[in-house]
Every structure is written in structure tokens, then in C-alpha cells.
Amino acid sequence: MFSGKTIMVVEDEALLALDLAMTMEDMGAEIAGPCYRLAPALELVRRRAVDAAILDVDLNGETVLPLAEWLTEHGVPFVFHTGRADPGTLLAAFGHARVCTKPSTPEHLASCLSAAMADA
């Protein structure tokens, strides 16, 4: 599904981040990350091209929105993968993004990410 694509995974829960990375790899993607904090994620995306990203909104009390803004400015599609943030608020600020609420199945997240990439 994601063969030849580089997908960035930004998630503060280590086990979930690794599960997401492995799921995307199983679907053919190369993984950038996973990143657990905002600063390393911004550093990574500035030095490595990515085709799309999966973003947890709350990174251990730190918002991922500056990264979402950077990705938007550079035309990189992304999915917010969140269990706490209000989808309406996220879509009001980032109408082009997709929101996949936690918990979700790998298939649902992949579908959301694929749709975001198709829209870009």
C-alpha cells in the first residue's frame, strides 16, 4: 500500500510508536523515526524528505502543531492520530489533514493516511 513511500511516525508512547512503524513497514513503507518529542521530529523532517506523517497531537504535554504547520508549509500530507484532541478544532486549523482517533485499527489508520496522501 505504501511501497516506496517514507512515512514519519511521531508518537510519545514507545510501544504504540513501534507498532505503528512496524505496521507501516508491513505495508511497504520506509519509516522516518519514530520520534517521541517535537524537537527531534522537526530536526528529522528538516534533513530527511518524507512523503507523509502520522502525528500524535500531545507528545507528553507538548503539542505537535508546530510540526503540523511545517508539514503544511512544505506540502506533506499527514494524519493526526489522537485520543484526546478535539477533531473539530484540529480540522478548523488544518482542514486538509485527516484525524484518526485512538484507538484505531491499523487498517483504519492506513486508510486515513492513504486518503490524506491522495488528497495532497
C-alpha atoms as a PDB file:
ATOM      1  CA  MET A   1       0.000   0.000   0.000  1.00  0.00           C
ATOM      2  CA  PHE A   2       2.855   2.405   0.830  1.00  0.00           C
ATOM      3  CA  SER A   3       5.596   0.836  -1.261  1.00  0.00           C
ATOM      4  CA  GLY A   4       8.370   3.326  -1.993  1.00  0.00           C
ATOM      5  CA  LYS A   5       6.967   5.919   0.421  1.00  0.00           C
ATOM      6  CA  THR A   6       8.673   7.312   3.504  1.00  0.00           C
ATOM      7  CA  ILE A   7       6.257   7.719   6.401  1.00  0.00           C
ATOM      8  CA  MET A   8       7.174   9.722   9.501  1.00  0.00           C
ATOM      9  CA  VAL A   9       5.844   8.414  12.812  1.00  0.00           C
ATOM     10  CA  VAL A  10       5.581  10.887  15.706  1.00  0.00           C
ATOM     11  CA  GLU A  11       4.170   9.297  18.861  1.00  0.00           C
ATOM     12  CA  ASP A  12       5.202   9.650  22.510  1.00  0.00           C
ATOM     13  CA  GLU A  13       4.101   6.184  23.618  1.00  0.00           C
ATOM     14  CA  ALA A  14       7.056   3.969  22.675  1.00  0.00           C
ATOM     15  CA  LEU A  15       5.146   0.717  22.209  1.00  0.00           C
ATOM     16  CA  LEU A  16       2.485   2.375  20.089  1.00  0.00           C
ATOM     17  CA  ALA A  17       5.147   4.183  18.040  1.00  0.00           C
ATOM     18  CA  LEU A  18       6.948   0.919  17.341  1.00  0.00           C
ATOM     19  CA  ASP A  19       3.670  -0.819  16.495  1.00  0.00           C
ATOM     20  CA  LEU A  20       2.754   1.970  14.064  1.00  0.00           C
ATOM     21  CA  ALA A  21       6.207   1.838  12.487  1.00  0.00           C
ATOM     22  CA  MET A  22       6.047  -1.940  12.069  1.00  0.00           C
ATOM     23  CA  THR A  23       2.520  -1.754  10.649  1.00  0.00           C
ATOM     24  CA  MET A  24       3.570   0.836   8.064  1.00  0.00           C
ATOM     25  CA  GLU A  25       6.671  -1.217   7.217  1.00  0.00           C
ATOM     26  CA  ASP A  26       4.461  -4.267   6.714  1.00  0.00           C
ATOM     27  CA  MET A  27       2.534  -2.161   4.190  1.00  0.00           C
ATOM     28  CA  GLY A  28       5.728  -1.367   2.301  1.00  0.00           C
ATOM     29  CA  ALA A  29       6.729   1.987   3.793  1.00  0.00           C
ATOM     30  CA  GLU A  30      10.140   3.133   4.867  1.00  0.00           C
ATOM     31  CA  ILE A  31       9.913   4.726   8.315  1.00  0.00           C
ATOM     32  CA  ALA A  32      11.297   8.080   9.400  1.00  0.00           C
ATOM     33  CA  GLY A  33      11.500   7.919  13.171  1.00  0.00           C
ATOM     34  CA  PRO A  34       9.709   7.112  15.250  1.00  0.00           C
ATOM     35  CA  CYS A  35      10.065  10.422  17.056  1.00  0.00           C
ATOM     36  CA  TYR A  36       8.827  10.797  20.618  1.00  0.00           C
ATOM     37  CA  ARG A  37       9.256  14.572  21.076  1.00  0.00           C
ATOM     38  CA  LEU A  38       8.716  17.672  18.947  1.00  0.00           C
ATOM     39  CA  ALA A  39      12.319  18.928  18.619  1.00  0.00           C
ATOM     40  CA  PRO A  40      13.757  15.675  17.221  1.00  0.00           C
ATOM     41  CA  ALA A  41      10.772  15.381  14.867  1.00  0.00           C
ATOM     42  CA  LEU A  42      11.347  18.890  13.499  1.00  0.00           C
ATOM     43  CA  GLU A  43      15.056  18.195  13.139  1.00  0.00           C
ATOM     44  CA  LEU A  44      14.402  14.939  11.302  1.00  0.00           C
ATOM     45  CA  VAL A  45      11.910  16.359   8.832  1.00  0.00           C
ATOM     46  CA  ARG A  46      14.234  19.270   8.030  1.00  0.00           C
ATOM     47  CA  ARG A  47      17.016  16.908   6.968  1.00  0.00           C
ATOM     48  CA  ARG A  48      15.060  13.991   5.517  1.00  0.00           C
ATOM     49  CA  ALA A  49      12.285  14.059   2.945  1.00  0.00           C
ATOM     50  CA  VAL A  50       9.075  12.317   3.933  1.00  0.00           C
ATOM     51  CA  ASP A  51       6.017  11.524   1.848  1.00  0.00           C
ATOM     52  CA  ALA A  52       3.526  11.620   4.733  1.00  0.00           C
ATOM     53  CA  ALA A  53       3.332  11.602   8.518  1.00  0.00           C
ATOM     54  CA  ILE A  54       1.346  10.153  11.391  1.00  0.00           C
ATOM     55  CA  LEU A  55       1.214  12.665  14.240  1.00  0.00           C
ATOM     56  CA  ASP A  56       0.145  12.173  17.830  1.00  0.00           C
ATOM     57  CA  VAL A  57      -1.151  15.594  18.914  1.00  0.00           C
ATOM     58  CA  ASP A  58       0.033  15.516  22.536  1.00  0.00           C
ATOM     59  CA  LEU A  59       3.661  14.487  22.908  1.00  0.00           C
ATOM     60  CA  ASN A  60       3.923  14.064  26.645  1.00  0.00           C
ATOM     61  CA  GLY A  61       2.421  17.508  27.281  1.00  0.00           C
ATOM     62  CA  GLU A  62       3.997  19.126  24.223  1.00  0.00           C
ATOM     63  CA  THR A  63       1.885  19.958  21.173  1.00  0.00           C
ATOM     64  CA  VAL A  64       2.789  18.638  17.731  1.00  0.00           C
ATOM     65  CA  LEU A  65       1.169  21.622  15.993  1.00  0.00           C
ATOM     66  CA  PRO A  66       4.450  23.353  15.038  1.00  0.00           C
ATOM     67  CA  LEU A  67       5.379  20.213  13.115  1.00  0.00           C
ATOM     68  CA  ALA A  68       1.926  20.112  11.506  1.00  0.00           C
ATOM     69  CA  GLU A  69       2.456  23.721  10.406  1.00  0.00           C
ATOM     70  CA  TRP A  70       5.879  22.866   8.932  1.00  0.00           C
ATOM     71  CA  LEU A  71       4.464  19.879   7.067  1.00  0.00           C
ATOM     72  CA  THR A  72       1.610  22.021   5.742  1.00  0.00           C
ATOM     73  CA  GLU A  73       4.025  24.695   4.502  1.00  0.00           C
ATOM     74  CA  HIS A  74       6.042  22.022   2.691  1.00  0.00           C
ATOM     75  CA  GLY A  75       3.050  20.193   1.201  1.00  0.00           C
ATOM     76  CA  VAL A  76       3.498  16.993   3.186  1.00  0.00           C
ATOM     77  CA  PRO A  77       0.201  15.223   3.965  1.00  0.00           C
ATOM     78  CA  PHE A  78      -0.396  13.954   7.480  1.00  0.00           C
ATOM     79  CA  VAL A  79      -2.868  12.312   9.807  1.00  0.00           C
ATOM     80  CA  PHE A  80      -3.463  13.352  13.385  1.00  0.00           C
ATOM     81  CA  HIS A  81      -3.618  10.147  15.438  1.00  0.00           C
ATOM     82  CA  THR A  82      -5.078  11.223  18.748  1.00  0.00           C
ATOM     83  CA  GLY A  83      -7.218  10.125  21.625  1.00  0.00           C
ATOM     84  CA  ARG A  84      -7.546  13.455  23.420  1.00  0.00           C
ATOM     85  CA  ALA A  85      -7.611  16.336  20.961  1.00  0.00           C
ATOM     86  CA  ASP A  86     -10.864  17.643  19.530  1.00  0.00           C
ATOM     87  CA  PRO A  87     -11.103  16.632  15.864  1.00  0.00           C
ATOM     88  CA  GLY A  88     -13.186  19.724  15.039  1.00  0.00           C
ATOM     89  CA  THR A  89     -10.523  22.053  16.416  1.00  0.00           C
ATOM     90  CA  LEU A  90      -7.784  20.244  14.512  1.00  0.00           C
ATOM     91  CA  LEU A  91      -9.723  20.332  11.251  1.00  0.00           C
ATOM     92  CA  ALA A  92     -10.548  24.019  11.715  1.00  0.00           C
ATOM     93  CA  ALA A  93      -6.814  24.756  11.835  1.00  0.00           C
ATOM     94  CA  PHE A  94      -5.692  22.075   9.370  1.00  0.00           C
ATOM     95  CA  GLY A  95      -8.634  21.414   7.065  1.00  0.00           C
ATOM     96  CA  HIS A  96      -6.511  19.389   4.665  1.00  0.00           C
ATOM     97  CA  ALA A  97      -5.461  16.906   7.368  1.00  0.00           C
ATOM     98  CA  ARG A  98      -7.202  13.745   8.438  1.00  0.00           C
ATOM     99  CA  VAL A  99      -7.982  12.813  12.030  1.00  0.00           C
ATOM    100  CA  CYS A 100      -7.857   9.184  13.091  1.00  0.00           C
ATOM    101  CA  THR A 101      -8.967   8.783  16.687  1.00  0.00           C
ATOM    102  CA  LYS A 102      -7.340   6.345  19.076  1.00  0.00           C
ATOM    103  CA  PRO A 103      -7.823   3.522  19.493  1.00  0.00           C
ATOM    104  CA  SER A 104      -7.914   2.580  15.826  1.00  0.00           C
ATOM    105  CA  THR A 105      -7.115  -0.458  13.778  1.00  0.00           C
ATOM    106  CA  PRO A 106      -4.015  -0.464  11.601  1.00  0.00           C
ATOM    107  CA  GLU A 107      -6.279  -0.768   8.563  1.00  0.00           C
ATOM    108  CA  HIS A 108      -8.273   2.326   9.528  1.00  0.00           C
ATOM    109  CA  LEU A 109      -5.125   4.369  10.157  1.00  0.00           C
ATOM    110  CA  ALA A 110      -3.648   3.196   6.853  1.00  0.00           C
ATOM    111  CA  SER A 111      -6.879   4.157   5.103  1.00  0.00           C
ATOM    112  CA  CYS A 112      -6.802   7.641   6.673  1.00  0.00           C
ATOM    113  CA  LEU A 113      -3.167   8.103   5.699  1.00  0.00           C
ATOM    114  CA  SER A 114      -3.775   6.858   2.166  1.00  0.00           C
ATOM    115  CA  ALA A 115      -6.690   9.293   1.791  1.00  0.00           C
ATOM    116  CA  ALA A 116      -4.562  12.182   3.060  1.00  0.00           C
ATOM    117  CA  MET A 117      -1.867  11.304   0.538  1.00  0.00           C
ATOM    118  CA  ALA A 118      -4.404  11.065  -2.291  1.00  0.00           C
ATOM    119  CA  ASP A 119      -5.805  14.498  -1.369  1.00  0.00           C
ATOM    120  CA  ALA A 120      -2.369  16.142  -1.431  1.00  0.00           C
END
